[in-house]
Amino acid sequence: MERLFSYGTLQQPEVQLATFGRLLSGHRDYLPGYRLSMVAIDDPGVVRTSGKSHHPIISHTGLPSEKVAGSVLEISPEELRQADGYEVAAYRRQAVVLASGVAAWAYVDATDAPI
């Protein structure tokens, strides 16, 4: 199984059903050293699925005082590829370590330098 840290639309039941064909289980956690902002989504399919023209996006700051709340979702490797297909070019999948010490994937701002 894979762990995916979601802080945005992948937590929505309708997005999970459309993307994975099922509802996902997960638990709350935080990602330290990141800041949350919004990005405009121009993919009509993603907007239709999420119901939103702007989605949350995170950027690395490295500041321990900043953290992003979200959910750790347990998914299969195939579902991780499906999540990759849902995310638009503004996002890049990156390995992160959460406040709990759990290693997970997260979709970060694609313009951030890899860490």
Protein backbone atom coordinates (compact mmCIF):
# COMPACT_ATOMS: atom_id res chain seq x y z
CA MET A 1 0.00 0.00 0.00
CA GLU A 2 0.95 3.60 -0.58
CA ARG A 3 0.26 6.58 1.65
CA LEU A 4 -0.96 9.80 0.11
CA PHE A 5 -1.17 13.03 2.11
CA SER A 6 -4.19 14.96 0.85
CA TYR A 7 -4.90 18.51 1.92
CA GLY A 8 -7.41 19.35 -0.81
CA THR A 9 -9.93 17.94 -3.23
CA LEU A 10 -8.77 14.31 -3.00
CA GLN A 11 -10.45 14.33 0.44
CA GLN A 12 -13.85 15.02 -1.19
CA PRO A 13 -16.06 11.91 -1.45
CA GLU A 14 -17.20 12.78 -5.00
CA VAL A 15 -13.56 13.18 -6.15
CA GLN A 16 -12.58 9.87 -4.53
CA LEU A 17 -15.47 8.05 -6.20
CA ALA A 18 -14.69 9.57 -9.61
CA THR A 19 -10.93 8.99 -9.32
CA PHE A 20 -10.70 5.67 -7.47
CA GLY A 21 -14.20 4.20 -7.69
CA ARG A 22 -14.42 3.96 -3.90
CA LEU A 23 -14.26 6.02 -0.73
CA LEU A 24 -10.85 6.04 0.95
CA SER A 25 -10.10 5.72 4.64
CA GLY A 26 -7.49 7.83 6.31
CA HIS A 27 -6.40 9.71 9.38
CA ARG A 28 -5.51 13.33 10.14
CA ASP A 29 -1.91 14.52 10.09
CA TYR A 30 0.13 17.64 9.34
CA LEU A 31 2.91 18.47 6.91
CA PRO A 32 5.42 20.81 8.55
CA GLY A 33 7.43 23.36 6.58
CA TYR A 34 4.78 23.99 3.91
CA ARG A 35 2.36 26.83 3.17
CA LEU A 36 -1.08 26.47 1.60
CA SER A 37 -2.34 28.73 -1.20
CA MET A 38 -4.78 28.39 -4.11
CA VAL A 39 -4.23 27.74 -7.82
CA ALA A 40 -6.64 28.23 -10.74
CA ILE A 41 -7.60 24.97 -12.46
CA ASP A 42 -8.15 25.17 -16.22
CA ASP A 43 -8.88 21.49 -16.88
CA PRO A 44 -12.68 21.30 -17.35
CA GLY A 45 -12.80 17.63 -16.32
CA VAL A 46 -11.05 18.31 -13.02
CA VAL A 47 -13.28 21.34 -12.37
CA ARG A 48 -16.36 19.23 -13.13
CA THR A 49 -15.20 16.43 -10.80
CA SER A 50 -14.26 18.70 -7.89
CA GLY A 51 -16.89 21.39 -8.44
CA LYS A 52 -14.19 24.01 -7.91
CA SER A 53 -12.23 26.26 -10.29
CA HIS A 54 -9.50 26.89 -7.68
CA HIS A 55 -7.76 24.16 -5.70
CA PRO A 56 -5.42 24.25 -2.71
CA ILE A 57 -1.70 23.84 -3.47
CA ILE A 58 1.27 23.68 -1.11
CA SER A 59 4.74 25.17 -1.37
CA HIS A 60 7.79 24.28 0.67
CA THR A 61 8.97 27.03 3.03
CA GLY A 62 11.17 25.01 5.36
CA LEU A 63 9.79 26.99 8.28
CA PRO A 64 8.86 24.70 11.20
CA SER A 65 6.23 27.22 12.31
CA GLU A 66 4.23 26.60 9.11
CA LYS A 67 2.22 23.43 8.61
CA VAL A 68 -0.59 22.15 6.43
CA ALA A 69 -3.40 19.98 7.81
CA GLY A 70 -4.70 17.05 5.81
CA SER A 71 -5.44 13.34 5.72
CA VAL A 72 -3.19 10.36 5.14
CA LEU A 73 -5.00 8.10 2.67
CA GLU A 74 -4.12 4.43 2.18
CA ILE A 75 -4.16 3.61 -1.53
CA SER A 76 -2.83 0.96 -3.89
CA PRO A 77 0.00 1.63 -6.38
CA GLU A 78 -2.62 1.64 -9.18
CA GLU A 79 -4.71 4.21 -7.28
CA LEU A 80 -1.60 6.36 -6.89
CA ARG A 81 -1.27 6.36 -10.69
CA GLN A 82 -4.97 7.30 -10.90
CA ALA A 83 -4.30 10.23 -8.55
CA ASP A 84 -1.43 11.29 -10.82
CA GLY A 85 -3.93 11.37 -13.68
CA TYR A 86 -6.33 13.55 -11.70
CA GLU A 87 -3.76 16.19 -10.73
CA VAL A 88 -3.04 18.93 -13.29
CA ALA A 89 0.40 20.18 -14.41
CA ALA A 90 0.53 22.74 -11.57
CA TYR A 91 1.26 19.83 -9.19
CA ARG A 92 4.19 17.45 -8.79
CA ARG A 93 4.15 14.32 -6.62
CA GLN A 94 6.87 14.35 -3.97
CA ALA A 95 7.85 12.15 -1.03
CA VAL A 96 7.36 13.91 2.31
CA VAL A 97 7.59 13.11 6.01
CA LEU A 98 4.59 14.15 8.07
CA ALA A 99 4.52 15.54 11.61
CA SER A 100 3.73 12.02 12.90
CA GLY A 101 6.89 10.66 11.24
CA VAL A 102 4.88 8.82 8.56
CA ALA A 103 6.40 8.87 5.06
CA ALA A 104 3.86 9.67 2.34
CA TRP A 105 3.42 11.15 -1.11
CA ALA A 106 2.04 14.67 -1.48
CA TYR A 107 1.21 16.82 -4.48
CA VAL A 108 3.22 20.03 -4.21
CA ASP A 109 3.60 23.12 -6.36
CA ALA A 110 5.37 21.95 -9.53
CA THR A 111 7.48 25.13 -9.54
CA ASP A 112 9.02 24.26 -6.15
CA ALA A 113 12.57 22.93 -6.32
CA PRO A 114 12.64 19.21 -5.44
CA ILE A 115 13.79 18.55 -1.87
